[in-house]
Protein backbone atom coordinates (compact mmCIF):
# COMPACT_ATOMS: atom_id res chain seq x y z
CA MET A 1 148.52 -66.46 -11.32
CA PHE A 2 150.60 -63.68 -11.67
CA CYS A 3 152.31 -61.56 -9.33
CA MET A 4 151.56 -58.31 -9.44
CA LYS A 5 154.67 -56.94 -7.89
CA HIS A 6 155.17 -55.02 -11.39
CA ALA A 7 152.15 -53.95 -12.25
CA ARG A 8 151.69 -51.46 -14.42
CA LYS A 9 150.52 -48.33 -13.41
CA LYS A 10 146.73 -47.16 -13.96
CA SER A 11 145.78 -44.35 -16.23
CA ALA A 12 143.90 -41.46 -14.86
CA LYS A 13 140.31 -40.94 -15.81
CA ILE A 14 139.61 -38.00 -17.86
CA SER A 15 136.06 -37.41 -16.46
CA GLU A 16 132.92 -38.17 -14.63
CA ALA A 17 129.78 -39.02 -16.18
CA ILE A 18 125.87 -39.31 -15.40
CA PHE A 19 124.14 -41.66 -17.28
CA ARG A 20 120.49 -41.70 -17.06
CA GLY A 21 118.67 -45.56 -17.32
CA LYS A 22 114.75 -45.62 -17.17
CA LYS A 23 114.92 -45.90 -13.14
CA SER A 24 117.91 -44.34 -11.82
CA LEU A 25 121.00 -42.05 -12.49
CA TYR A 26 124.59 -43.94 -12.57
CA ASN A 27 127.64 -41.72 -11.80
CA PHE A 28 130.51 -43.52 -14.14
CA GLU A 29 134.25 -42.61 -14.50
CA VAL A 30 135.60 -41.76 -18.15
CA PHE A 31 138.88 -43.06 -19.32
CA PRO A 32 140.61 -43.01 -23.11
CA LEU A 33 139.30 -46.41 -24.87
CA THR A 34 143.32 -46.91 -25.05
CA ALA A 35 143.87 -46.48 -21.04
CA GLU A 36 145.66 -49.31 -19.02
CA ILE A 37 142.70 -49.61 -16.65
CA GLU A 38 142.60 -51.36 -13.20
CA GLU A 39 141.10 -55.05 -13.47
CA THR A 40 137.66 -54.96 -12.05
CA SER A 41 134.50 -55.74 -12.38
CA GLY A 42 131.23 -53.62 -13.29
CA ILE A 43 129.47 -51.61 -16.10
CA TYR A 44 130.77 -49.97 -19.01
CA VAL A 45 129.76 -48.05 -21.71
CA ILE A 46 132.06 -47.80 -24.52
CA SER A 47 131.30 -44.52 -26.43
CA LYS A 48 132.47 -41.55 -28.34
CA ARG A 49 132.69 -38.67 -26.41
CA LYS A 50 132.84 -34.93 -27.68
CA THR A 51 133.78 -31.97 -25.81
CA ASP A 52 131.90 -28.63 -26.21
CA LYS A 53 133.11 -25.12 -26.05
CA LEU A 54 132.34 -25.43 -22.57
CA GLY A 55 134.43 -27.99 -22.08
CA LYS A 56 131.07 -30.24 -21.27
CA GLY A 57 131.94 -33.62 -22.33
CA HIS A 58 128.77 -35.55 -24.62
CA HIS A 59 128.83 -39.03 -25.09
CA ALA A 60 127.54 -41.10 -28.45
CA PHE A 61 126.66 -44.32 -26.91
CA VAL A 62 128.54 -47.23 -29.26
CA CYS A 63 127.90 -50.06 -26.52
CA ILE A 64 126.92 -50.95 -23.12
CA GLY A 65 127.50 -54.00 -21.02
CA GLN A 66 128.45 -55.81 -17.68
CA THR A 67 131.44 -58.16 -17.04
CA ASP A 68 133.63 -59.77 -14.27
CA SER A 69 136.45 -58.42 -16.06
CA ILE A 70 136.81 -54.98 -17.53
CA LEU A 71 140.33 -55.90 -19.00
CA GLY A 72 138.78 -59.03 -21.20
CA GLU A 73 136.10 -56.72 -22.11
CA ILE A 74 138.27 -53.84 -23.64
CA LYS A 75 140.37 -56.01 -25.84
CA LYS A 76 137.65 -57.86 -27.24
CA HIS A 77 136.14 -54.35 -28.14
CA GLN A 78 139.22 -52.46 -29.11
CA LYS A 79 139.34 -54.99 -32.07
CA GLY A 80 135.58 -54.98 -32.78
CA LYS A 81 134.21 -53.41 -36.50
CA CYS A 82 131.60 -51.53 -34.58
CA VAL A 83 133.84 -49.66 -32.03
CA LYS A 84 136.07 -48.68 -34.48
CA GLN A 85 133.35 -47.45 -37.48
CA ASN A 86 132.05 -45.31 -34.46
CA SER A 87 135.19 -43.53 -33.69
CA ALA A 88 134.26 -44.26 -30.30
CA ASN A 89 137.30 -42.89 -27.65
CA VAL A 90 136.43 -43.34 -24.50
CA ILE A 91 135.39 -46.28 -21.82
CA CYS A 92 133.47 -45.18 -19.07
CA LEU A 93 133.02 -48.12 -15.63
CA LEU A 94 130.91 -48.02 -12.96
CA LYS A 95 132.17 -50.65 -10.34
CA GLU A 96 130.13 -53.17 -9.15
CA VAL A 97 131.15 -56.45 -7.77
CA ASP A 98 127.61 -58.28 -7.45
CA ALA A 99 126.59 -60.03 -10.70
CA ARG A 100 122.53 -59.33 -9.86
CA ASN A 101 123.49 -55.46 -9.54
CA ARG A 102 125.30 -55.45 -13.00
CA GLU A 103 122.54 -57.15 -15.11
CA LYS A 104 120.07 -54.75 -13.09
CA ILE A 105 122.14 -51.47 -14.08
CA GLU A 106 123.14 -52.71 -17.56
CA ALA A 107 119.46 -53.91 -18.51
CA ASP A 108 118.27 -50.09 -17.21
CA LEU A 109 120.69 -48.27 -18.96
CA LYS A 110 119.91 -50.58 -22.25
CA ALA A 111 116.60 -49.90 -21.87
CA ALA A 112 117.29 -45.84 -21.91
CA HIS A 113 119.78 -46.19 -24.75
CA ALA A 114 120.03 -47.06 -28.55
CA THR A 115 123.67 -48.55 -29.23
CA VAL A 116 125.03 -49.28 -32.31
CA CYS A 117 126.52 -52.58 -31.18
CA ASN A 118 126.57 -55.62 -28.71
CA TYR A 119 128.23 -57.98 -28.12
CA ASN A 120 125.47 -60.08 -25.86
């Protein structure tokens, strides 16, 4: 185990986004893809975010998934071709420690949104 004494400061979120699944709505925090994010478990959406004239963000989903280790997933996806080819620039996070809930939310979002890549 490593010491958290010198942990890097967490990057500030840039926005919040509400994504609709087939059954429910989910409130995600939006961070730059290159942000230093605290380790957590949860559901993630990697997307290409564009802002319109009114400052409202719009997301083109690239990847949807869930994990015990968000930091590991970010590193894996940042190196992935589909993230680069689709100009993904943000990661949207919904913290959830319960694995069963994560799987349900992931399935609900995937049922409602087409993505260009998913590793699992």
